[in-house]
Amino acid sequence: MKFYIATSLLRAKDHNIVRDALLDLGHTITYDWTTHGNVKCTTIENLKRVSQNELLGVKKADILVVLIPGRHGTHVELGAALASDKKIILLSQEEKYFVPCDDTNAFYHHPNCIHVVSSLSNLNPLFDAINNLHKEEALSNL
């Protein structure tokens, strides 16, 4: 399955933990924004190129994995995936982002979003969610 991971620049190490685990399972990343790091203070041309590459990564992905909490770009990528009718797995180490409170977001509750609460040291719940998406996709293709 092709995937893209959205999260804050501040969580690049977390991104890489999830990326490496999914790559080890044979999945393919569509774009790895951690390779270029923070580009906010580079050039306008570089910012344009990165924004296009990141949105193309979302577009090419079968699923978007969002590490919550994220920041501005994370939510842009979430919106792009929702607008493209992608399946989205929201991964958080805390349940609070998925219950009605100040920490949640209405878009986290869109029907295309799957909530997974798990530590980064045990990604089995994430793998289970991906496997369930595989099964649903296979059934819908019958």
C-alpha atoms as a PDB file:
ATOM      1  CA  MET A   1       0.000   0.000   0.000  1.00  0.00           C
ATOM      2  CA  LYS A   2       1.260   3.496  -0.806  1.00  0.00           C
ATOM      3  CA  PHE A   3       1.249   5.890   2.137  1.00  0.00           C
ATOM      4  CA  TYR A   4       2.068   9.471   3.059  1.00  0.00           C
ATOM      5  CA  ILE A   5       2.707  10.627   6.633  1.00  0.00           C
ATOM      6  CA  ALA A   6       1.557  14.056   7.766  1.00  0.00           C
ATOM      7  CA  THR A   7       2.727  15.618  11.010  1.00  0.00           C
ATOM      8  CA  SER A   8       4.594  18.593  12.402  1.00  0.00           C
ATOM      9  CA  LEU A   9       8.195  19.319  11.440  1.00  0.00           C
ATOM     10  CA  LEU A  10       8.882  19.045  15.155  1.00  0.00           C
ATOM     11  CA  ARG A  11       7.882  15.367  14.979  1.00  0.00           C
ATOM     12  CA  ALA A  12      10.217  14.285  12.162  1.00  0.00           C
ATOM     13  CA  LYS A  13      11.721  11.555  14.380  1.00  0.00           C
ATOM     14  CA  ASP A  14       8.225  10.169  15.068  1.00  0.00           C
ATOM     15  CA  HIS A  15       7.493  10.326  11.335  1.00  0.00           C
ATOM     16  CA  ASN A  16      10.623   8.278  10.675  1.00  0.00           C
ATOM     17  CA  ILE A  17       9.694   5.621  13.253  1.00  0.00           C
ATOM     18  CA  VAL A  18       6.329   5.097  11.554  1.00  0.00           C
ATOM     19  CA  ARG A  19       7.847   5.343   8.064  1.00  0.00           C
ATOM     20  CA  ASP A  20      10.497   2.738   8.788  1.00  0.00           C
ATOM     21  CA  ALA A  21       7.969   0.342  10.322  1.00  0.00           C
ATOM     22  CA  LEU A  22       5.671   0.614   7.294  1.00  0.00           C
ATOM     23  CA  LEU A  23       8.565   0.250   4.845  1.00  0.00           C
ATOM     24  CA  ASP A  24       9.690  -2.876   6.721  1.00  0.00           C
ATOM     25  CA  LEU A  25       6.220  -4.330   6.076  1.00  0.00           C
ATOM     26  CA  GLY A  26       6.597  -3.740   2.333  1.00  0.00           C
ATOM     27  CA  HIS A  27       4.549  -0.563   1.999  1.00  0.00           C
ATOM     28  CA  THR A  28       5.754   2.349  -0.161  1.00  0.00           C
ATOM     29  CA  ILE A  29       6.065   5.985   0.881  1.00  0.00           C
ATOM     30  CA  THR A  30       4.933   8.458  -1.784  1.00  0.00           C
ATOM     31  CA  TYR A  31       6.991  11.402  -0.531  1.00  0.00           C
ATOM     32  CA  ASP A  32       9.289  11.797   2.464  1.00  0.00           C
ATOM     33  CA  TRP A  33       9.357  15.446   3.475  1.00  0.00           C
ATOM     34  CA  THR A  34      11.841  14.726   6.279  1.00  0.00           C
ATOM     35  CA  THR A  35      14.619  14.490   3.694  1.00  0.00           C
ATOM     36  CA  HIS A  36      14.537  18.248   3.116  1.00  0.00           C
ATOM     37  CA  GLY A  37      13.691  19.323   6.668  1.00  0.00           C
ATOM     38  CA  ASN A  38      12.471  22.812   7.470  1.00  0.00           C
ATOM     39  CA  VAL A  39      12.241  24.961   4.344  1.00  0.00           C
ATOM     40  CA  LYS A  40      10.327  27.913   5.795  1.00  0.00           C
ATOM     41  CA  CYS A  41      13.282  30.299   5.596  1.00  0.00           C
ATOM     42  CA  THR A  42      14.733  29.209   2.251  1.00  0.00           C
ATOM     43  CA  THR A  43      13.392  30.663  -1.005  1.00  0.00           C
ATOM     44  CA  ILE A  44       9.939  31.214  -2.465  1.00  0.00           C
ATOM     45  CA  GLU A  45      10.783  28.814  -5.295  1.00  0.00           C
ATOM     46  CA  ASN A  46      11.818  26.116  -2.844  1.00  0.00           C
ATOM     47  CA  LEU A  47       8.627  26.628  -0.816  1.00  0.00           C
ATOM     48  CA  LYS A  48       6.552  26.313  -4.000  1.00  0.00           C
ATOM     49  CA  ARG A  49       8.348  23.122  -5.010  1.00  0.00           C
ATOM     50  CA  VAL A  50       7.997  21.553  -1.566  1.00  0.00           C
ATOM     51  CA  SER A  51       4.286  22.419  -1.350  1.00  0.00           C
ATOM     52  CA  GLN A  52       3.682  20.795  -4.729  1.00  0.00           C
ATOM     53  CA  ASN A  53       5.720  17.703  -3.826  1.00  0.00           C
ATOM     54  CA  GLU A  54       3.907  17.262  -0.531  1.00  0.00           C
ATOM     55  CA  LEU A  55       0.445  17.571  -2.079  1.00  0.00           C
ATOM     56  CA  LEU A  56       1.462  15.205  -4.877  1.00  0.00           C
ATOM     57  CA  GLY A  57       2.595  12.760  -2.190  1.00  0.00           C
ATOM     58  CA  VAL A  58      -0.858  12.941  -0.595  1.00  0.00           C
ATOM     59  CA  LYS A  59      -2.536  12.526  -3.990  1.00  0.00           C
ATOM     60  CA  LYS A  60      -0.462   9.444  -4.922  1.00  0.00           C
ATOM     61  CA  ALA A  61      -1.028   7.743  -1.557  1.00  0.00           C
ATOM     62  CA  ASP A  62      -3.615   5.056  -0.935  1.00  0.00           C
ATOM     63  CA  ILE A  63      -3.767   6.151   2.691  1.00  0.00           C
ATOM     64  CA  LEU A  64      -2.717   9.166   4.695  1.00  0.00           C
ATOM     65  CA  VAL A  65      -1.286   8.522   8.145  1.00  0.00           C
ATOM     66  CA  VAL A  66      -1.587  11.625  10.321  1.00  0.00           C
ATOM     67  CA  LEU A  67       0.434  11.809  13.518  1.00  0.00           C
ATOM     68  CA  ILE A  68      -1.596  13.853  15.976  1.00  0.00           C
ATOM     69  CA  PRO A  69      -0.866  16.414  17.271  1.00  0.00           C
ATOM     70  CA  GLY A  70       0.295  18.159  14.149  1.00  0.00           C
ATOM     71  CA  ARG A  71       0.510  21.749  13.050  1.00  0.00           C
ATOM     72  CA  HIS A  72      -0.519  23.896  10.097  1.00  0.00           C
ATOM     73  CA  GLY A  73       0.860  21.817   7.232  1.00  0.00           C
ATOM     74  CA  THR A  74      -0.465  18.649   8.828  1.00  0.00           C
ATOM     75  CA  HIS A  75      -3.990  19.981   8.596  1.00  0.00           C
ATOM     76  CA  VAL A  76      -3.519  21.203   5.024  1.00  0.00           C
ATOM     77  CA  GLU A  77      -2.487  17.661   4.067  1.00  0.00           C
ATOM     78  CA  LEU A  78      -5.427  16.229   6.020  1.00  0.00           C
ATOM     79  CA  GLY A  79      -7.764  18.545   4.099  1.00  0.00           C
ATOM     80  CA  ALA A  80      -6.224  17.568   0.770  1.00  0.00           C
ATOM     81  CA  ALA A  81      -6.712  13.886   1.595  1.00  0.00           C
ATOM     82  CA  LEU A  82     -10.324  14.473   2.639  1.00  0.00           C
ATOM     83  CA  ALA A  83     -11.006  16.436  -0.553  1.00  0.00           C
ATOM     84  CA  SER A  84      -9.520  13.529  -2.534  1.00  0.00           C
ATOM     85  CA  ASP A  85     -11.715  10.997  -0.684  1.00  0.00           C
ATOM     86  CA  LYS A  86      -8.650   9.199   0.727  1.00  0.00           C
ATOM     87  CA  LYS A  87      -8.731   6.861   3.694  1.00  0.00           C
ATOM     88  CA  ILE A  88      -6.997   8.493   6.646  1.00  0.00           C
ATOM     89  CA  ILE A  89      -5.555   6.973   9.782  1.00  0.00           C
ATOM     90  CA  LEU A  90      -5.191   9.438  12.630  1.00  0.00           C
ATOM     91  CA  LEU A  91      -2.543   8.118  15.013  1.00  0.00           C
ATOM     92  CA  SER A  92      -2.203   9.623  18.461  1.00  0.00           C
ATOM     93  CA  GLN A  93      -0.680   8.506  21.700  1.00  0.00           C
ATOM     94  CA  GLU A  94      -3.561  10.219  23.525  1.00  0.00           C
ATOM     95  CA  GLU A  95      -7.313   9.599  23.308  1.00  0.00           C
ATOM     96  CA  LYS A  96      -8.080  13.280  24.035  1.00  0.00           C
ATOM     97  CA  TYR A  97      -7.797  14.251  20.366  1.00  0.00           C
ATOM     98  CA  PHE A  98     -10.706  11.970  19.482  1.00  0.00           C
ATOM     99  CA  VAL A  99     -13.305  13.057  22.050  1.00  0.00           C
ATOM    100  CA  PRO A 100     -15.325  16.288  22.146  1.00  0.00           C
ATOM    101  CA  CYS A 101     -13.020  18.834  23.804  1.00  0.00           C
ATOM    102  CA  ASP A 102     -10.758  21.749  22.924  1.00  0.00           C
ATOM    103  CA  ASP A 103      -8.067  19.375  21.617  1.00  0.00           C
ATOM    104  CA  THR A 104     -10.133  17.793  18.850  1.00  0.00           C
ATOM    105  CA  ASN A 105     -10.966  19.005  15.358  1.00  0.00           C
ATOM    106  CA  ALA A 106     -14.247  18.418  13.521  1.00  0.00           C
ATOM    107  CA  PHE A 107     -12.345  16.959  10.564  1.00  0.00           C
ATOM    108  CA  TYR A 108     -10.871  14.246  12.809  1.00  0.00           C
ATOM    109  CA  HIS A 109     -14.408  12.852  12.896  1.00  0.00           C
ATOM    110  CA  HIS A 110     -15.012  12.727   9.153  1.00  0.00           C
ATOM    111  CA  PRO A 111     -16.198   9.266   8.029  1.00  0.00           C
ATOM    112  CA  ASN A 112     -12.939   8.700   6.096  1.00  0.00           C
ATOM    113  CA  CYS A 113     -10.893   9.023   9.301  1.00  0.00           C
ATOM    114  CA  ILE A 114      -9.928   6.063  11.449  1.00  0.00           C
ATOM    115  CA  HIS A 115      -8.759   6.761  14.999  1.00  0.00           C
ATOM    116  CA  VAL A 116      -5.824   4.784  16.350  1.00  0.00           C
ATOM    117  CA  VAL A 117      -4.506   5.361  19.856  1.00  0.00           C
ATOM    118  CA  SER A 118      -1.111   3.765  20.278  1.00  0.00           C
ATOM    119  CA  SER A 119       2.406   4.456  21.427  1.00  0.00           C
ATOM    120  CA  LEU A 120       5.146   4.626  18.840  1.00  0.00           C
ATOM    121  CA  SER A 121       6.840   1.690  20.547  1.00  0.00           C
ATOM    122  CA  ASN A 122       3.859  -0.554  19.709  1.00  0.00           C
ATOM    123  CA  LEU A 123       2.487   0.170  16.252  1.00  0.00           C
ATOM    124  CA  ASN A 124       0.410  -3.016  16.034  1.00  0.00           C
ATOM    125  CA  PRO A 125      -2.881  -1.050  16.267  1.00  0.00           C
ATOM    126  CA  LEU A 126      -1.740   0.994  13.239  1.00  0.00           C
ATOM    127  CA  PHE A 127      -0.844  -2.176  11.334  1.00  0.00           C
ATOM    128  CA  ASP A 128      -4.255  -3.656  12.220  1.00  0.00           C
ATOM    129  CA  ALA A 129      -6.009  -0.542  10.885  1.00  0.00           C
ATOM    130  CA  ILE A 130      -4.054  -0.761   7.616  1.00  0.00           C
ATOM    131  CA  ASN A 131      -4.842  -4.469   7.282  1.00  0.00           C
ATOM    132  CA  ASN A 132      -8.537  -3.736   7.823  1.00  0.00           C
ATOM    133  CA  LEU A 133      -8.401  -1.112   5.063  1.00  0.00           C
ATOM    134  CA  HIS A 134      -6.799  -3.725   2.775  1.00  0.00           C
ATOM    135  CA  LYS A 135      -9.646  -6.132   3.519  1.00  0.00           C
ATOM    136  CA  GLU A 136     -12.318  -3.468   2.926  1.00  0.00           C
ATOM    137  CA  GLU A 137     -10.684  -2.505  -0.371  1.00  0.00           C
ATOM    138  CA  ALA A 138     -10.520  -6.139  -1.482  1.00  0.00           C
ATOM    139  CA  LEU A 139     -14.195  -6.665  -0.630  1.00  0.00           C
ATOM    140  CA  SER A 140     -15.258  -3.529  -2.480  1.00  0.00           C
ATOM    141  CA  ASN A 141     -13.444  -4.775  -5.600  1.00  0.00           C
ATOM    142  CA  LEU A 142     -15.425  -8.043  -5.710  1.00  0.00           C
END
